[in-house]
Protein backbone atom coordinates (compact mmCIF):
# COMPACT_ATOMS: atom_id res chain seq x y z
CA MET A 1 -136.56 11.38 67.87
CA ILE A 2 -140.27 11.99 68.37
CA THR A 3 -141.56 13.25 65.03
CA ALA A 4 -144.91 14.08 63.45
CA ASN A 5 -146.48 11.53 61.13
CA ASN A 6 -149.99 12.96 60.92
CA ILE A 7 -151.71 16.32 61.15
CA ALA A 8 -155.26 17.49 61.82
CA ILE A 9 -156.80 20.57 60.23
CA HIS A 10 -159.89 22.12 61.80
CA LEU A 11 -161.67 23.68 58.85
CA THR A 12 -164.26 25.41 61.04
CA TYR A 13 -165.71 25.44 64.54
CA THR A 14 -169.21 25.92 63.17
CA CYS A 15 -171.37 22.85 63.69
CA PRO A 16 -175.10 22.13 63.30
CA LEU A 17 -174.86 20.38 66.67
CA GLU A 18 -174.09 21.95 70.04
CA CYS A 19 -173.08 18.91 72.08
CA SER A 20 -172.67 19.41 75.80
CA HIS A 21 -169.31 17.60 75.86
CA CYS A 22 -167.70 19.44 72.92
CA CYS A 23 -164.12 20.33 73.79
CA PHE A 24 -164.04 22.98 71.03
CA GLN A 25 -167.38 24.52 72.06
CA SER A 26 -168.59 24.24 68.48
CA GLY A 27 -172.13 25.14 67.49
CA PRO A 28 -174.37 26.82 64.89
CA LYS A 29 -173.55 30.33 66.12
CA VAL A 30 -169.78 29.84 66.19
CA LYS A 31 -168.26 31.41 63.07
CA THR A 32 -164.55 30.73 63.59
CA ARG A 33 -163.08 29.11 60.50
CA LEU A 34 -160.02 28.93 58.29
CA SER A 35 -160.12 30.48 54.85
CA GLU A 36 -160.08 28.15 51.89
CA GLU A 37 -156.74 29.64 50.84
CA ILE A 38 -155.11 28.80 54.19
CA ILE A 39 -156.53 25.26 54.14
CA LEU A 40 -155.44 24.43 50.60
CA ASP A 41 -152.05 26.13 50.90
CA THR A 42 -151.39 24.20 54.11
CA VAL A 43 -152.23 20.86 52.50
CA ASN A 44 -150.05 21.76 49.53
CA ALA A 45 -147.14 22.49 51.89
CA ILE A 46 -147.30 19.11 53.66
CA ASP A 47 -144.27 16.91 53.00
CA PRO A 48 -145.62 13.43 52.14
CA GLU A 49 -142.29 11.85 53.06
CA LYS A 50 -142.89 12.91 56.67
CA ILE A 51 -146.64 13.42 57.10
CA LYS A 52 -148.45 10.21 56.20
CA MET A 53 -152.02 11.17 57.13
CA VAL A 54 -154.08 14.36 57.28
CA ALA A 55 -157.42 14.51 59.10
CA PHE A 56 -160.00 17.16 58.26
CA THR A 57 -162.15 17.95 61.26
CA GLY A 58 -164.10 20.68 62.99
CA GLY A 59 -166.63 21.65 64.16
CA GLU A 60 -168.24 20.00 61.18
CA PRO A 61 -166.00 19.87 58.08
CA PHE A 62 -168.91 18.88 55.82
CA LEU A 63 -170.23 22.45 56.22
CA LEU A 64 -167.32 23.52 54.00
CA TYR A 65 -167.93 20.70 51.59
CA SER A 66 -166.45 22.21 48.41
CA THR A 67 -163.27 23.15 50.30
CA LEU A 68 -163.17 19.69 51.86
CA LEU A 69 -163.30 18.08 48.41
CA LYS A 70 -160.41 20.22 47.16
CA ALA A 71 -158.31 19.58 50.27
CA VAL A 72 -158.87 15.82 50.11
CA GLU A 73 -157.94 15.78 46.43
CA ILE A 74 -154.70 17.70 46.98
CA ALA A 75 -153.62 15.47 49.86
CA SER A 76 -154.56 12.29 48.02
CA LYS A 77 -152.58 13.27 44.94
CA LYS A 78 -149.54 13.80 47.20
CA GLY A 79 -149.91 10.22 48.42
CA VAL A 80 -151.06 11.25 51.91
CA THR A 81 -153.80 9.20 53.61
CA THR A 82 -156.93 11.31 54.11
CA ARG A 83 -159.48 11.17 56.91
CA VAL A 84 -162.58 13.20 57.75
CA VAL A 85 -164.07 13.45 61.25
CA THR A 86 -167.83 14.07 61.33
CA SER A 87 -171.10 13.63 63.19
CA ALA A 88 -172.55 12.28 59.91
CA TYR A 89 -175.46 14.71 60.31
CA PHE A 90 -175.84 14.80 56.52
CA ALA A 91 -176.55 11.06 56.21
CA THR A 92 -180.30 11.35 56.80
CA SER A 93 -180.84 8.63 54.21
CA GLU A 94 -178.66 6.08 52.50
CA ASN A 95 -178.94 8.07 49.27
CA ASN A 96 -177.84 11.30 50.95
CA ALA A 97 -174.92 9.51 52.54
CA ARG A 98 -173.89 7.90 49.28
CA LYS A 99 -174.09 11.14 47.30
CA LYS A 100 -171.51 12.91 49.45
CA LEU A 101 -169.33 9.96 50.40
CA LYS A 102 -169.08 8.63 46.84
CA GLU A 103 -167.88 12.03 45.66
CA LEU A 104 -165.36 12.26 48.49
CA LYS A 105 -164.15 8.76 47.70
CA ASP A 106 -163.67 9.76 44.07
CA PHE A 107 -161.63 12.75 45.23
CA GLY A 108 -159.41 10.48 47.34
CA LEU A 109 -160.95 10.03 50.81
CA ASP A 110 -159.49 7.00 52.60
CA GLU A 111 -161.03 7.10 56.08
CA ILE A 112 -164.02 8.45 57.97
CA SER A 113 -164.26 8.78 61.76
CA ILE A 114 -167.83 9.20 63.01
CA SER A 115 -168.48 10.75 66.41
CA TRP A 116 -171.37 9.16 68.30
CA ASP A 117 -172.42 8.96 71.94
CA ASP A 118 -175.12 10.05 74.38
CA TYR A 119 -174.25 13.70 73.74
CA HIS A 120 -174.60 13.47 69.96
CA GLU A 121 -177.88 11.59 70.36
CA GLU A 122 -179.49 14.81 71.62
CA TYR A 123 -179.17 16.20 68.08
CA VAL A 124 -179.07 13.32 65.58
CA ASP A 125 -180.43 9.78 65.40
CA PHE A 126 -178.28 6.68 65.25
CA ASP A 127 -179.74 6.10 61.78
CA VAL A 128 -177.39 8.75 60.35
CA VAL A 129 -174.40 7.00 61.91
CA ARG A 130 -175.51 3.64 60.53
CA ASN A 131 -176.11 5.13 57.07
CA ALA A 132 -172.70 6.82 56.93
CA PHE A 133 -170.87 3.84 58.39
CA LEU A 134 -172.37 1.20 56.10
CA VAL A 135 -172.20 3.34 52.96
CA SER A 136 -168.55 4.16 53.69
CA LYS A 137 -167.73 0.48 54.02
CA SER A 138 -169.53 -0.32 50.77
CA LEU A 139 -167.46 2.34 49.00
CA GLY A 140 -164.15 1.07 50.38
CA ILE A 141 -163.71 3.94 52.84
CA ARG A 142 -162.26 2.71 56.15
CA ALA A 143 -164.81 3.63 58.80
CA ALA A 144 -164.52 4.15 62.55
CA ILE A 145 -166.92 5.20 65.29
CA ASN A 146 -165.64 7.04 68.35
CA ILE A 147 -167.79 7.00 71.49
CA VAL A 148 -167.16 9.40 74.39
CA GLN A 149 -168.41 8.04 77.69
CA ASP A 150 -168.96 8.94 81.30
CA ALA A 151 -169.96 6.60 84.11
CA ASN A 152 -173.66 6.83 83.20
CA SER A 153 -173.45 6.57 79.41
CA LYS A 154 -176.05 4.44 77.65
CA TRP A 155 -174.00 4.07 74.47
CA ASP A 156 -170.93 1.84 74.30
CA VAL A 157 -169.28 -0.38 71.71
CA SER A 158 -171.51 -3.36 72.44
CA ARG A 159 -174.67 -1.33 71.89
CA VAL A 160 -173.33 0.13 68.64
CA VAL A 161 -172.57 -3.38 67.40
CA LEU A 162 -176.10 -4.46 68.33
CA GLU A 163 -177.70 -1.48 66.56
CA MET A 164 -175.69 -2.23 63.40
CA ASN A 165 -177.86 -5.33 62.99
CA GLY A 166 -175.06 -7.74 62.21
CA HIS A 167 -173.15 -5.44 59.86
CA CYS A 168 -170.12 -4.95 62.15
CA THR A 169 -167.08 -7.19 61.84
CA GLU A 170 -163.95 -7.71 63.92
CA GLU A 171 -162.08 -5.47 61.49
CA ASP A 172 -164.30 -2.46 62.21
CA VAL A 173 -162.78 0.22 64.45
CA LEU A 174 -165.10 1.10 67.34
CA CYS A 175 -163.49 3.09 70.16
CA GLU A 176 -164.54 4.24 73.60
CA THR A 177 -162.95 7.38 75.04
CA ASN A 178 -163.44 8.75 78.53
CA LEU A 179 -165.16 12.10 79.01
CA ASN A 180 -162.73 14.92 79.81
CA LEU A 181 -164.17 18.05 81.39
CA THR A 182 -162.74 20.46 78.85
CA GLY A 183 -164.44 23.03 76.63
CA ARG A 184 -168.22 23.07 77.01
CA ALA A 185 -168.13 19.96 79.20
CA LYS A 186 -166.38 21.89 81.95
CA GLU A 187 -169.53 24.00 82.34
CA LYS A 188 -172.29 21.63 81.26
CA LEU A 189 -171.13 18.27 82.60
CA SER A 190 -169.22 19.07 85.77
CA GLU A 191 -171.42 16.69 87.77
CA ARG A 192 -170.72 13.71 85.50
CA ASN A 193 -168.46 10.98 86.83
CA SER A 194 -165.60 9.56 84.80
CA ARG A 195 -165.35 5.87 84.05
CA ASN A 196 -162.59 3.89 85.74
CA ASN A 197 -160.84 3.14 82.45
CA ARG A 198 -159.07 6.30 81.43
CA LEU A 199 -155.60 7.27 80.35
CA LEU A 200 -153.33 9.09 82.76
CA GLY A 201 -149.89 8.76 81.27
CA PRO A 202 -147.88 9.45 78.13
CA CYS A 203 -149.83 11.39 75.50
CA PRO A 204 -149.45 9.72 72.08
CA TYR A 205 -150.64 12.83 70.23
CA VAL A 206 -148.16 15.51 71.34
CA LEU A 207 -145.53 16.18 68.64
CA SER A 208 -146.61 13.11 66.65
CA GLY A 209 -149.95 14.67 65.66
CA PRO A 210 -149.89 18.49 65.48
CA THR A 211 -153.07 20.42 64.74
CA LEU A 212 -153.92 23.54 62.78
CA ASN A 213 -156.96 24.85 64.63
CA ALA A 214 -159.74 26.96 63.14
CA LYS A 215 -158.14 30.09 64.63
CA GLY A 216 -155.00 29.59 62.55
CA ASN A 217 -152.83 28.40 65.46
CA LEU A 218 -150.50 25.46 64.92
CA LEU A 219 -150.50 23.33 68.08
CA ALA A 220 -148.35 20.41 69.22
CA CYS A 221 -151.45 18.24 69.74
CA CYS A 222 -155.22 18.40 69.30
CA GLY A 223 -155.34 21.31 71.75
CA VAL A 224 -158.74 20.75 73.32
CA ILE A 225 -158.11 22.95 76.37
CA GLU A 226 -158.75 26.67 76.72
CA GLU A 227 -155.25 27.61 77.89
CA GLN A 228 -153.26 26.52 74.84
CA GLY A 229 -150.21 28.75 75.22
CA PRO A 230 -147.68 26.04 76.15
CA LEU A 231 -148.91 23.88 73.26
CA VAL A 232 -148.59 26.54 70.56
CA ILE A 233 -146.03 25.94 67.84
CA SER A 234 -147.07 28.96 65.76
CA ASN A 235 -149.61 31.62 66.74
CA GLU A 236 -150.44 32.52 63.16
CA LEU A 237 -149.37 29.83 60.74
CA ILE A 238 -147.86 30.73 57.40
CA PRO A 239 -148.78 27.64 55.34
CA SER A 240 -145.49 27.47 53.45
CA GLU A 241 -143.65 27.26 56.79
CA ILE A 242 -145.67 24.46 58.37
CA MET A 243 -143.02 21.75 57.99
CA SER A 244 -140.20 23.90 59.36
CA ASP A 245 -142.43 25.02 62.25
CA ILE A 246 -143.26 21.41 63.09
CA GLU A 247 -139.62 20.34 62.91
CA ASN A 248 -138.54 23.24 65.12
CA SER A 249 -141.00 22.04 67.77
CA TYR A 250 -139.16 18.74 68.19
CA SER A 251 -136.70 20.34 70.62
CA ASN A 252 -139.42 21.53 73.02
CA LEU A 253 -138.77 19.86 76.39
CA LEU A 254 -142.34 20.23 77.62
CA HIS A 255 -143.72 18.55 74.50
CA LYS A 256 -141.17 15.74 74.81
CA TRP A 257 -142.18 15.18 78.44
CA LEU A 258 -145.90 15.11 77.59
CA TYR A 259 -145.26 12.46 74.94
CA LEU A 260 -142.91 10.37 77.09
CA ARG A 261 -144.49 10.68 80.55
CA GLY A 262 -147.68 12.73 80.28
CA PRO A 263 -149.05 15.79 82.11
CA PHE A 264 -150.13 14.02 85.30
CA ALA A 265 -146.59 12.74 85.82
CA LEU A 266 -145.42 16.36 85.71
CA LEU A 267 -148.01 17.27 88.33
CA GLU A 268 -146.70 14.42 90.49
CA GLU A 269 -143.14 15.72 90.14
CA ILE A 270 -144.36 19.14 91.26
CA ARG A 271 -146.01 17.60 94.31
CA LYS A 272 -142.85 15.70 95.26
CA LYS A 273 -140.36 18.52 94.72
CA PHE A 274 -142.34 21.54 95.93
CA ASP A 275 -144.73 19.87 98.38
CA VAL A 276 -147.66 21.39 96.51
CA PRO A 277 -151.02 19.56 96.70
CA ILE A 278 -152.40 18.32 93.39
CA PRO A 279 -155.80 16.85 92.49
CA LEU A 280 -156.27 13.15 93.15
CA GLU A 281 -155.87 11.01 90.05
CA GLU A 282 -159.35 9.54 90.51
CA HIS A 283 -160.76 13.07 90.13
CA ILE A 284 -159.17 13.58 86.71
CA GLY A 285 -160.86 12.29 83.57
CA GLY A 286 -157.75 11.93 81.43
CA ASN A 287 -154.69 13.56 79.94
CA CYS A 288 -156.54 16.56 78.54
CA GLU A 289 -157.94 17.43 81.96
CA SER A 290 -154.44 16.99 83.40
CA CYS A 291 -153.04 19.50 80.89
CA GLN A 292 -155.89 21.87 81.67
CA ILE A 293 -154.91 21.75 85.35
CA LEU A 294 -151.19 22.01 84.60
CA PHE A 295 -151.44 25.00 82.23
CA GLY A 296 -154.33 26.91 83.74
CA SER A 297 -153.02 27.47 87.23
CA GLU A 298 -150.01 28.23 89.40
CA TYR A 299 -148.63 24.77 88.63
CA PHE A 300 -147.02 25.75 85.35
CA GLY A 301 -144.34 27.90 86.96
CA TYR A 302 -143.27 24.88 88.98
CA ALA A 303 -143.38 22.76 85.83
CA VAL A 304 -140.85 25.01 84.13
CA GLU A 305 -138.42 24.45 87.02
CA ILE A 306 -138.91 20.68 86.84
CA LEU A 307 -138.23 20.67 83.11
CA LYS A 308 -135.02 22.66 83.58
CA ASP A 309 -133.79 20.17 86.16
CA LYS A 310 -134.71 17.15 84.08
CA ALA A 311 -133.71 18.43 80.64
CA GLN A 312 -130.88 15.94 80.13
CA GLU A 313 -132.95 13.07 81.55
CA ILE A 314 -135.73 13.80 79.05
CA VAL A 315 -133.31 13.92 76.12
CA ASN A 316 -131.59 10.72 77.26
CA GLU A 317 -134.89 8.88 77.63
CA GLU A 318 -135.98 9.89 74.15
CA PHE A 319 -132.64 8.75 72.71
CA LEU A 320 -132.72 5.43 74.56
CA LEU A 321 -136.28 4.57 73.53
CA SER A 322 -135.55 5.64 69.96
CA SER A 323 -132.44 3.43 69.79
CA MET A 324 -134.59 0.50 70.97
CA ASN A 325 -137.41 1.30 68.52
CA MET A 326 -139.69 1.91 71.50
CA LEU A 327 -140.85 5.49 70.92
CA ASP A 328 -144.24 4.20 69.82
CA ALA A 329 -147.14 5.02 72.16
CA LYS A 330 -147.83 1.36 72.86
CA TYR A 331 -144.45 1.14 74.60
CA THR A 332 -144.48 4.49 76.42
CA ILE A 333 -147.99 3.83 77.76
CA ASP A 334 -146.93 0.37 78.93
CA LEU A 335 -143.94 1.95 80.68
CA TRP A 336 -145.57 4.96 82.29
CA GLY A 337 -149.36 4.77 81.85
CA LYS A 338 -151.69 4.34 84.80
CA ASN A 339 -155.38 3.62 85.28
CA VAL A 340 -155.71 2.30 81.74
CA VAL A 341 -158.28 -0.47 81.42
CA ASN A 342 -158.96 -1.68 77.88
CA GLU A 343 -158.92 1.85 76.48
CA LYS A 344 -158.02 2.03 72.80
CA ILE A 345 -156.35 5.01 71.19
CA PRO A 346 -159.07 6.36 68.84
CA ILE A 347 -156.94 6.35 65.71
CA ILE A 348 -157.15 4.11 62.69
CA GLN A 349 -153.65 2.67 62.56
CA LEU A 350 -151.85 3.26 59.27
């Protein structure tokens, strides 16, 4: 069975940056956030036998620093791996970086994922990324850098390695992810072209990595699209019920399909069965854009009919792959993925 092994919690959608590609449309004027009570109660309710990692993200989670410390400490004491996702805006000097990261390390932080690309460069210098990355490594915090790209991006992994001045090793996690025109990018970056290497296939995040967003909605995945209805597990999470809500979602046929085959495959089934035109795959930046198309249009009604027809096939496929220990994303993407060229899943493997 496809089950959750990690969860993301969006503490806030407020951010000192207002990046043009931001799927959550975060910014300084955005005030949407979770209360400290909801955040801490949710972390307390996580079952460490089932959820092995919790990521604290945003917006910018460092804006709620005292809450972040408490949440990291609670999760760490439960034996759950902790991660924070940040722009590293606070790391304006090595001392500033060390002050915050040392304290977080002492409270139990295991991993940091730093967002950096052409879009972030409009607001912060690479120096802050270098400071946070190198200080994290010196403290024993596993560090990663995630780079979103379009066809004209100036920043890629090779340039990051160069700018690290010899401090990167083969063990460092540096990931490139294709731009998806979701959130603010749909308005601001509609003229940008996607790179050739992008993922159109099984989504490794649905069901396996649910998200509590800053609005209090529990979603089956990271939920970066505006029309989230089909991805909602709980519209208004009660923290004590998070594990039962997650487990109840495992029977959702749509979520199973998205994990096993992906949203574009469902669009293709709609085209074949109902003779309905769908966007060309070369015009879609990735899975998130595919879901945006699938959920935000007339396609979804057709999708419901497809899922009804293929219900037993979906269940059988999940059972077969599970019995062969092949439910991992590396197998499903090999089986059903398309247009994937050296794209890494931007997750630090546990």
